[in-house]
Amino acid sequence: MKIFRTYLPVALALFFVFVSCQHDDRSELPVPQEQKEWLSRPDGFSENYALEQMVVLSRHNIRSPMVGKGSILSRMTDSDYEWFQWEGSPSLLTPKGTRLESLMGAFFKEWLEEKDMLDEYGRDPYAFRFYANAKQRCQYTARSFADALLPGKDAKVEMNVQFDTMDPVFNPQITKLSPEFEAQARKEVEAILNDPEIKLAERFALIEKVINIKGSPAYPDTAGFSQFQTSVSFKLNTEPSMSGGLKMACSFADALVLQYYEEPDEKKAAFGNTLTLDDWTNISLIKEWYGDVLFTAPSVAVNVAHPLLLTLLSEIQNEKRVFSFLCGHDSNIGSVLASLEAEPYELDGAIEQRTPIGAKVIFEKFKGKDGVEYADVWLVYASVPQLRGETKLSYSNPPASQRISLRGLKANPDGLYLLSDVEERFAKAIDAY
């Protein structure tokens, strides 16, 4: 009994320490309501604002490169190097892209459940809309997202033209062309094209080193991208087009970045080179700058984004809609944000600094306790480790995010714009067409 009395307090203390340690995993504990805002919000935000609607403009997830075997990739890459063996034809959503989009859809399911928005689908399926460009990579991305968001519901994904063709809403084509437009557009494009901060020669040299162009079949006739002058042209009912060194370099930057996402071995993804995240960012910048040149000049952006701007504004103003998901391309996101006069931003954890693969621009509509409607704009994307590792996304491991600021609009102390101001910005871009 003496031994029992001596060690009982110690045993009980150890037991309670053990139990407390078992429950120290905070991801397993109920999260207080105020901590369930995963985006960067001020204290008391969820008490003052109710989320009413979400409109999402998404880029498709990982696809195979736009060009395949026997293309420029083979001709200008070292003969001993082998590109990643992609399944299927060029430009198609890959199996990994499908899985990654499902992970993002499952995260949105958790998010909308927390906001009590998913129940609206059971009451009125019209409250949810999934609409994608008819290209395979967009339709399959939307299908994967919808199935993960609403498992077992077989929610409809709209396709308004023949499969694997371009829907005019998502087609970043010139739909109004005049001498005055072309003169202004060329002036704006030249300003982007000649931006000295891009340091084009240095980034060209990095790609040329990675692919070892000197060991390619095209060498020495083709010694580098800089020997080909870049030019941009406009044609009615056609996307702005480019020829020359930048376009060539873009094909390689695009394929290398996609290879990096798919190939588990980082060194193999870089053809034996040891590349830093800064190196990968510099490679990716070539691809994104190509898109900036073609689609984000102010006059061009409002022209090519016009039908999509109309669709987005219609969704935002649809009082019966709770959740809208529109899936297109990086050119869609780039031109829409340029049309809305988004401020420049830098993305943490991404090598694609403009529109990461699978990225989503989210327009949130809130009702304040003051009875006023507000809006917020975010870019949500999977980080590089989440992409490469196919990491499960959750409130304890959320995707990365960046608030989008619109030039000239004043946010309130909680970071929100008046909804009417955002609608006016859409109207301004639409009228500029």
Protein backbone atom coordinates (compact mmCIF):
# COMPACT_ATOMS: atom_id res chain seq x y z
CA MET A 1 0.00 0.00 0.00
CA LYS A 2 2.88 2.34 0.75
CA ILE A 3 4.31 1.72 -2.70
CA PHE A 4 0.86 2.23 -4.25
CA ARG A 5 0.39 5.57 -2.40
CA THR A 6 3.90 6.64 -3.41
CA TYR A 7 3.63 5.97 -7.15
CA LEU A 8 -0.06 6.58 -7.78
CA PRO A 9 0.30 10.39 -8.11
CA VAL A 10 3.25 9.94 -10.47
CA ALA A 11 1.37 7.40 -12.58
CA LEU A 12 -1.67 9.64 -12.80
CA ALA A 13 0.47 12.63 -13.80
CA LEU A 14 2.16 10.61 -16.55
CA PHE A 15 -1.21 9.37 -17.75
CA PHE A 16 -2.61 12.88 -18.10
CA VAL A 17 0.55 14.07 -19.88
CA PHE A 18 0.19 11.14 -22.28
CA VAL A 19 -3.47 11.92 -22.94
CA SER A 20 -2.78 15.62 -23.51
CA CYS A 21 0.02 14.79 -25.95
CA GLN A 22 -2.30 12.49 -27.88
CA HIS A 23 -4.65 15.42 -28.47
CA ASP A 24 -2.03 18.04 -29.20
CA ASP A 25 -2.48 17.61 -32.96
CA ARG A 26 -4.44 20.78 -33.59
CA SER A 27 -5.58 19.62 -36.98
CA GLU A 28 -7.78 17.08 -35.18
CA LEU A 29 -9.35 19.60 -32.83
CA PRO A 30 -12.47 21.61 -33.66
CA VAL A 31 -11.37 24.98 -34.99
CA PRO A 32 -13.04 28.02 -33.44
CA GLN A 33 -15.25 29.84 -35.94
CA GLU A 34 -12.98 32.86 -36.11
CA GLN A 35 -10.01 30.70 -37.15
CA LYS A 36 -11.84 29.05 -40.03
CA GLU A 37 -10.99 31.85 -42.44
CA TRP A 38 -8.04 30.40 -44.33
CA LEU A 39 -7.51 33.52 -46.42
CA SER A 40 -5.76 36.42 -44.74
CA ARG A 41 -8.59 38.19 -42.93
CA PRO A 42 -8.68 40.69 -40.04
CA ASP A 43 -10.03 39.68 -36.64
CA GLY A 44 -13.80 39.58 -36.47
CA PHE A 45 -14.20 39.29 -40.24
CA SER A 46 -16.62 36.36 -40.27
CA GLU A 47 -18.79 38.09 -37.66
CA ASN A 48 -19.17 41.17 -39.83
CA TYR A 49 -19.52 39.69 -43.32
CA ALA A 50 -21.49 36.77 -44.75
CA LEU A 51 -20.21 35.16 -47.95
CA GLU A 52 -23.10 35.08 -50.42
CA GLN A 53 -21.53 34.10 -53.72
CA MET A 54 -18.30 32.97 -55.34
CA VAL A 55 -17.41 33.30 -59.04
CA VAL A 56 -14.28 31.41 -60.08
CA LEU A 57 -12.28 31.86 -63.28
CA SER A 58 -9.88 28.93 -63.50
CA ARG A 59 -6.95 27.99 -65.67
CA HIS A 60 -6.88 24.33 -66.71
CA ASN A 61 -4.50 22.06 -64.82
CA ILE A 62 -1.32 20.33 -66.05
CA ARG A 63 -1.37 19.47 -69.74
CA SER A 64 1.18 18.04 -72.13
CA PRO A 65 3.22 20.60 -74.13
CA MET A 66 1.60 22.28 -77.11
CA VAL A 67 4.12 20.69 -79.48
CA GLY A 68 5.07 17.03 -79.65
CA LYS A 69 7.67 14.66 -81.06
CA GLY A 70 9.55 15.81 -84.14
CA SER A 71 8.83 19.45 -83.30
CA ILE A 72 11.10 22.33 -82.46
CA LEU A 73 11.74 20.65 -79.09
CA SER A 74 13.57 17.79 -80.76
CA ARG A 75 15.40 19.92 -83.32
CA MET A 76 16.87 22.39 -80.83
CA THR A 77 17.57 20.10 -77.84
CA ASP A 78 20.76 18.08 -77.36
CA SER A 79 20.42 14.84 -79.31
CA ASP A 80 21.28 12.82 -76.19
CA TYR A 81 18.52 14.41 -74.10
CA GLU A 82 15.09 12.84 -73.82
CA TRP A 83 12.00 14.84 -73.02
CA PHE A 84 9.42 13.53 -70.57
CA GLN A 85 7.27 10.82 -72.15
CA TRP A 86 3.84 12.41 -72.19
CA GLU A 87 0.74 10.28 -72.55
CA GLY A 88 -1.46 11.03 -75.54
CA SER A 89 -1.36 13.95 -77.95
CA PRO A 90 -0.01 17.47 -77.33
CA SER A 91 -1.99 19.97 -75.23
CA LEU A 92 -4.12 17.39 -73.35
CA LEU A 93 -4.80 17.39 -69.62
CA THR A 94 -2.56 14.75 -68.07
CA PRO A 95 -3.58 12.12 -65.50
CA LYS A 96 -1.64 14.08 -62.90
CA GLY A 97 -3.46 17.24 -63.92
CA THR A 98 -6.74 15.42 -63.36
CA ARG A 99 -5.68 14.28 -59.91
CA LEU A 100 -4.41 17.72 -58.92
CA GLU A 101 -7.68 19.35 -59.95
CA SER A 102 -9.58 16.81 -57.87
CA LEU A 103 -7.48 17.80 -54.87
CA MET A 104 -8.35 21.45 -55.47
CA GLY A 105 -12.03 20.61 -55.87
CA ALA A 106 -11.97 18.68 -52.59
CA PHE A 107 -10.47 21.71 -50.86
CA PHE A 108 -13.21 23.96 -52.23
CA LYS A 109 -15.71 21.41 -50.92
CA GLU A 110 -14.29 21.87 -47.42
CA TRP A 111 -14.32 25.64 -47.88
CA LEU A 112 -17.91 25.84 -49.11
CA GLU A 113 -19.12 23.39 -46.47
CA GLU A 114 -17.65 25.67 -43.83
CA LYS A 115 -19.63 28.54 -45.34
CA ASP A 116 -22.84 26.45 -45.55
CA MET A 117 -22.95 27.03 -49.31
CA LEU A 118 -22.97 23.43 -50.58
CA ASP A 119 -26.47 22.83 -49.22
CA GLU A 120 -27.74 25.27 -51.84
CA TYR A 121 -27.04 22.69 -54.56
CA GLY A 122 -29.54 20.28 -53.01
CA ARG A 123 -32.18 23.01 -52.87
CA ASP A 124 -31.51 24.39 -56.35
CA PRO A 125 -28.90 22.91 -58.75
CA TYR A 126 -29.20 26.14 -60.79
CA ALA A 127 -27.36 27.84 -57.92
CA PHE A 128 -24.17 26.13 -59.15
CA ARG A 129 -22.74 26.56 -62.65
CA PHE A 130 -19.78 24.78 -64.25
CA TYR A 131 -18.85 26.10 -67.68
CA ALA A 132 -15.62 25.39 -69.57
CA ASN A 133 -14.05 26.02 -72.92
CA ALA A 134 -14.60 23.01 -75.16
CA LYS A 135 -10.89 22.13 -75.35
CA GLN A 136 -10.18 18.77 -73.72
CA ARG A 137 -7.91 20.21 -71.03
CA CYS A 138 -10.58 22.70 -69.93
CA GLN A 139 -13.55 20.34 -70.03
CA TYR A 140 -11.69 17.63 -68.11
CA THR A 141 -10.39 20.14 -65.56
CA ALA A 142 -13.92 21.38 -64.88
CA ARG A 143 -15.23 17.80 -64.73
CA SER A 144 -12.58 16.80 -62.17
CA PHE A 145 -13.23 19.90 -60.07
CA ALA A 146 -17.02 19.47 -60.15
CA ASP A 147 -16.87 15.77 -59.23
CA ALA A 148 -14.63 16.52 -56.24
CA LEU A 149 -16.73 19.49 -55.13
CA LEU A 150 -20.03 17.64 -55.48
CA PRO A 151 -19.16 13.93 -55.29
CA GLY A 152 -21.83 11.62 -56.66
CA LYS A 153 -23.93 14.50 -58.04
CA ASP A 154 -22.75 14.29 -61.68
CA ALA A 155 -23.08 18.06 -61.96
CA LYS A 156 -23.39 19.32 -65.52
CA VAL A 157 -20.33 20.89 -67.14
CA GLU A 158 -21.47 23.16 -69.95
CA MET A 159 -19.90 22.90 -73.40
CA ASN A 160 -21.44 25.24 -75.94
CA VAL A 161 -19.48 24.33 -79.07
CA GLN A 162 -18.07 21.14 -80.56
CA PHE A 163 -15.67 19.25 -78.27
CA ASP A 164 -11.99 20.24 -78.55
CA THR A 165 -12.73 23.48 -80.39
CA MET A 166 -12.57 27.03 -79.04
CA ASP A 167 -15.70 28.51 -77.47
CA PRO A 168 -15.91 32.23 -78.45
CA VAL A 169 -16.37 33.17 -74.77
CA PHE A 170 -12.93 31.74 -73.95
CA ASN A 171 -11.21 32.37 -77.27
CA PRO A 172 -8.83 35.35 -76.79
CA GLN A 173 -9.31 36.53 -80.36
CA ILE A 174 -9.47 40.00 -81.87
CA THR A 175 -13.15 40.64 -82.56
CA LYS A 176 -12.93 44.31 -83.50
CA LEU A 177 -10.10 45.56 -85.71
CA SER A 178 -9.55 49.03 -87.08
CA PRO A 179 -6.48 51.04 -88.14
CA GLU A 180 -6.81 53.11 -84.97
CA PHE A 181 -6.97 50.02 -82.75
CA GLU A 182 -4.00 48.39 -84.45
CA ALA A 183 -1.85 51.52 -84.16
CA GLN A 184 -2.60 51.86 -80.44
CA ALA A 185 -2.19 48.14 -79.80
CA ARG A 186 1.19 48.03 -81.53
CA LYS A 187 2.39 50.99 -79.48
CA GLU A 188 1.36 49.24 -76.24
CA VAL A 189 2.80 45.89 -77.28
CA GLU A 190 6.14 47.44 -78.17
CA ALA A 191 6.33 48.99 -74.71
CA ILE A 192 5.91 45.55 -73.13
CA LEU A 193 8.21 43.85 -75.62
CA ASN A 194 11.04 46.30 -75.00
CA ASP A 195 10.84 46.34 -71.20
CA PRO A 196 14.53 46.36 -70.12
CA GLU A 197 13.74 44.74 -66.77
CA ILE A 198 12.88 41.47 -68.49
CA LYS A 199 16.57 40.86 -69.33
CA LEU A 200 15.57 38.71 -72.26
CA ALA A 201 19.08 37.72 -73.38
CA GLU A 202 19.92 36.32 -69.93
CA ARG A 203 16.77 34.20 -69.80
CA PHE A 204 17.26 32.99 -73.37
CA ALA A 205 20.79 31.95 -72.41
CA LEU A 206 19.50 29.99 -69.41
CA ILE A 207 17.11 27.94 -71.54
CA GLU A 208 19.78 27.42 -74.22
CA LYS A 209 22.10 26.07 -71.53
CA VAL A 210 19.48 23.71 -70.06
CA ILE A 211 18.64 22.19 -73.46
CA ASN A 212 22.32 22.37 -74.55
CA ILE A 213 21.43 23.85 -77.90
CA LYS A 214 25.02 23.39 -79.09
CA GLY A 215 24.48 19.64 -79.09
CA SER A 216 21.21 19.84 -81.03
CA PRO A 217 20.58 18.93 -84.70
CA ALA A 218 19.72 22.58 -85.41
CA TYR A 219 23.17 23.86 -84.36
CA PRO A 220 25.07 25.82 -85.70
CA ASP A 221 22.45 27.14 -88.13
CA THR A 222 20.31 27.93 -85.10
CA ALA A 223 22.67 29.08 -82.37
CA GLY A 224 20.13 30.78 -80.13
CA PHE A 225 16.73 32.41 -79.87
CA SER A 226 18.02 35.97 -80.16
CA GLN A 227 18.95 35.54 -83.81
CA PHE A 228 15.26 35.53 -84.72
CA GLN A 229 13.45 38.89 -84.54
CA THR A 230 10.17 38.87 -82.66
CA SER A 231 7.09 40.41 -84.24
CA VAL A 232 3.40 40.50 -83.34
CA SER A 233 0.46 40.66 -85.74
CA PHE A 234 -3.31 41.15 -85.43
CA LYS A 235 -6.01 39.62 -87.58
CA LEU A 236 -9.76 39.81 -87.18
CA ASN A 237 -11.37 36.82 -85.41
CA THR A 238 -7.96 35.34 -84.67
CA GLU A 239 -5.77 35.34 -81.57
CA PRO A 240 -2.91 37.85 -81.62
CA SER A 241 0.02 35.96 -83.08
CA MET A 242 3.77 36.08 -82.67
CA SER A 243 6.75 34.92 -84.69
CA GLY A 244 10.44 34.92 -83.89
CA GLY A 245 12.76 34.11 -81.02
CA LEU A 246 10.42 34.82 -78.13
CA LYS A 247 7.80 32.43 -79.50
CA MET A 248 10.45 29.75 -79.98
CA ALA A 249 11.78 30.23 -76.45
CA CYS A 250 8.21 30.11 -75.11
CA SER A 251 7.75 26.60 -76.51
CA PHE A 252 10.79 25.44 -74.55
CA ALA A 253 9.89 27.33 -71.36
CA ASP A 254 6.39 25.86 -71.45
CA ALA A 255 7.64 22.30 -71.99
CA LEU A 256 10.36 22.60 -69.33
CA VAL A 257 7.98 23.93 -66.67
CA LEU A 258 5.45 21.18 -67.39
CA GLN A 259 8.23 18.60 -67.29
CA TYR A 260 9.29 19.97 -63.90
CA TYR A 261 5.76 19.54 -62.56
CA GLU A 262 5.47 15.96 -63.84
CA GLU A 263 8.99 14.52 -63.42
CA PRO A 264 9.72 13.57 -59.77
CA ASP A 265 13.50 13.82 -60.26
CA GLU A 266 14.32 17.54 -60.31
CA LYS A 267 17.69 17.02 -61.97
CA LYS A 268 16.21 14.79 -64.64
CA ALA A 269 13.55 17.42 -65.27
CA ALA A 270 16.38 19.86 -66.02
CA PHE A 271 18.32 17.43 -68.28
CA GLY A 272 20.97 16.85 -65.63
CA ASN A 273 21.37 20.49 -64.68
CA THR A 274 21.00 21.66 -61.09
CA LEU A 275 18.47 24.47 -61.17
CA THR A 276 17.25 26.62 -58.30
CA LEU A 277 13.66 27.81 -57.90
CA ASP A 278 14.86 31.20 -59.15
CA ASP A 279 16.15 29.49 -62.29
CA TRP A 280 12.81 27.80 -62.85
CA THR A 281 11.06 31.13 -62.26
CA ASN A 282 13.29 32.79 -64.86
CA ILE A 283 12.51 30.02 -67.35
CA SER A 284 8.79 30.34 -66.65
CA LEU A 285 8.93 34.11 -67.04
CA ILE A 286 9.70 33.68 -70.75
CA LYS A 287 6.44 31.80 -71.23
CA GLU A 288 4.45 34.29 -69.16
CA TRP A 289 6.02 37.29 -70.83
CA TYR A 290 5.00 35.82 -74.18
CA GLY A 291 1.42 35.84 -72.87
CA ASP A 292 1.77 39.37 -71.51
CA VAL A 293 2.95 40.65 -74.89
CA LEU A 294 0.05 39.03 -76.74
CA PHE A 295 -2.86 39.49 -74.35
CA THR A 296 -2.32 42.12 -71.63
CA ALA A 297 -1.69 45.37 -73.50
CA PRO A 298 -4.65 47.55 -72.42
CA SER A 299 -6.26 47.89 -75.86
CA VAL A 300 -5.76 44.21 -76.65
CA ALA A 301 -6.94 42.95 -73.25
CA VAL A 302 -10.38 44.58 -73.38
CA ASN A 303 -10.78 43.36 -76.96
CA VAL A 304 -9.92 39.68 -76.48
CA ALA A 305 -11.54 39.43 -73.01
CA HIS A 306 -14.80 41.16 -73.97
CA PRO A 307 -17.12 38.11 -74.14
CA LEU A 308 -15.62 36.64 -70.98
CA LEU A 309 -15.99 39.93 -69.10
CA LEU A 310 -19.66 39.99 -70.07
CA THR A 311 -20.09 36.42 -68.82
CA LEU A 312 -18.29 37.03 -65.52
CA LEU A 313 -20.28 40.18 -64.78
CA SER A 314 -23.50 38.35 -65.60
CA GLU A 315 -22.58 35.63 -63.11
CA ILE A 316 -21.65 38.15 -60.41
CA GLN A 317 -24.99 39.92 -60.87
CA ASN A 318 -27.04 36.70 -60.97
CA GLU A 319 -28.78 36.75 -57.59
CA LYS A 320 -29.83 33.09 -57.90
CA ARG A 321 -26.27 31.89 -58.33
CA VAL A 322 -24.19 30.79 -55.35
CA PHE A 323 -21.15 29.29 -57.07
CA SER A 324 -19.86 29.68 -60.63
CA PHE A 325 -16.84 27.88 -62.08
CA LEU A 326 -15.57 28.97 -65.50
CA CYS A 327 -12.54 27.14 -66.86
CA GLY A 328 -10.28 28.48 -69.59
CA HIS A 329 -6.65 29.38 -70.11
CA ASP A 330 -3.85 31.55 -68.78
CA SER A 331 -4.62 34.01 -71.59
CA ASN A 332 -8.14 34.37 -70.17
CA ILE A 333 -6.92 35.15 -66.67
CA GLY A 334 -4.20 37.48 -67.95
CA SER A 335 -6.51 39.48 -70.22
CA VAL A 336 -9.33 39.70 -67.65
CA LEU A 337 -7.03 40.96 -64.89
CA ALA A 338 -5.41 43.44 -67.28
CA SER A 339 -8.87 44.66 -68.35
CA LEU A 340 -9.85 45.18 -64.71
CA GLU A 341 -6.59 47.11 -64.14
CA ALA A 342 -5.18 44.73 -61.55
CA GLU A 343 -2.07 45.93 -59.76
CA PRO A 344 1.15 43.91 -60.28
CA TYR A 345 1.65 41.09 -57.78
CA GLU A 346 4.26 38.55 -56.75
CA LEU A 347 3.32 34.99 -55.87
CA ASP A 348 4.97 33.07 -53.05
CA GLY A 349 5.74 29.42 -53.69
CA ALA A 350 5.17 29.63 -57.45
CA ILE A 351 7.51 29.60 -60.42
CA GLU A 352 4.73 30.87 -62.69
CA GLN A 353 4.31 34.37 -61.36
CA ARG A 354 1.29 35.48 -63.38
CA THR A 355 -1.10 32.56 -63.75
CA PRO A 356 0.17 29.29 -62.23
CA ILE A 357 -1.13 26.06 -63.68
CA GLY A 358 -4.62 25.36 -62.30
CA ALA A 359 -4.81 28.87 -60.77
CA LYS A 360 -8.18 30.40 -59.95
CA VAL A 361 -9.25 34.03 -59.84
CA ILE A 362 -12.02 34.22 -57.25
CA PHE A 363 -14.58 37.01 -57.05
CA GLU A 364 -16.26 36.84 -53.65
CA LYS A 365 -19.50 38.66 -52.86
CA PHE A 366 -20.27 39.50 -49.21
CA LYS A 367 -23.17 41.02 -47.34
CA GLY A 368 -21.99 43.21 -44.50
CA LYS A 369 -23.73 43.66 -41.16
CA ASP A 370 -24.30 47.22 -42.37
CA GLY A 371 -26.49 45.83 -45.18
CA VAL A 372 -23.99 46.85 -47.87
CA GLU A 373 -22.67 44.39 -50.50
CA TYR A 374 -18.90 44.05 -50.82
CA ALA A 375 -16.48 42.19 -53.07
CA ASP A 376 -13.01 40.71 -52.78
CA VAL A 377 -10.71 39.33 -55.48
CA TRP A 378 -8.13 36.60 -54.91
CA LEU A 379 -5.79 34.43 -56.94
CA VAL A 380 -5.68 30.92 -55.46
CA TYR A 381 -3.17 28.32 -56.66
CA ALA A 382 -1.28 25.21 -55.63
CA SER A 383 2.32 25.90 -54.62
CA VAL A 384 5.22 24.15 -56.38
CA PRO A 385 5.63 21.55 -53.59
CA GLN A 386 1.88 20.90 -53.65
CA LEU A 387 1.95 20.48 -57.43
CA ARG A 388 5.01 18.27 -57.58
CA GLY A 389 4.03 16.21 -54.56
CA GLU A 390 0.28 15.97 -55.30
CA THR A 391 -0.30 17.10 -51.74
CA LYS A 392 -3.76 16.85 -50.22
CA LEU A 393 -5.19 20.32 -49.71
CA SER A 394 -7.14 21.19 -46.57
CA TYR A 395 -7.58 23.98 -44.04
CA SER A 396 -4.44 22.70 -42.32
CA ASN A 397 -2.56 22.68 -45.67
CA PRO A 398 -4.40 25.18 -47.89
CA PRO A 399 -3.39 26.26 -51.37
CA ALA A 400 -1.44 29.49 -51.73
CA SER A 401 -3.30 32.74 -52.22
CA GLN A 402 -2.74 36.34 -53.24
CA ARG A 403 -5.24 39.18 -52.92
CA ILE A 404 -5.69 41.06 -56.18
CA SER A 405 -5.81 44.85 -55.90
CA LEU A 406 -7.62 46.86 -58.56
CA ARG A 407 -5.93 50.13 -59.45
CA GLY A 408 -7.83 53.19 -58.29
CA LEU A 409 -10.41 51.35 -56.16
CA LYS A 410 -10.40 52.02 -52.43
CA ALA A 411 -10.82 49.09 -50.08
CA ASN A 412 -12.42 49.43 -46.65
CA PRO A 413 -10.40 48.70 -43.46
CA ASP A 414 -11.21 44.98 -43.86
CA GLY A 415 -9.75 44.86 -47.37
CA LEU A 416 -13.06 44.73 -49.26
CA TYR A 417 -14.27 46.79 -52.19
CA LEU A 418 -17.81 47.99 -52.60
CA LEU A 419 -19.48 45.52 -54.95
CA SER A 420 -20.82 48.44 -56.95
CA ASP A 421 -17.25 49.69 -57.54
CA VAL A 422 -16.14 46.29 -58.86
CA GLU A 423 -19.20 46.10 -61.12
CA GLU A 424 -18.39 49.58 -62.41
CA ARG A 425 -14.83 48.44 -63.17
CA PHE A 426 -16.24 45.55 -65.22
CA ALA A 427 -18.56 47.99 -67.01
CA LYS A 428 -15.66 50.31 -67.77
CA ALA A 429 -13.66 47.45 -69.34
CA ILE A 430 -16.68 46.29 -71.31
CA ASP A 431 -17.39 49.80 -72.58
CA ALA A 432 -13.74 50.22 -73.61
CA TYR A 433 -14.30 47.52 -76.23
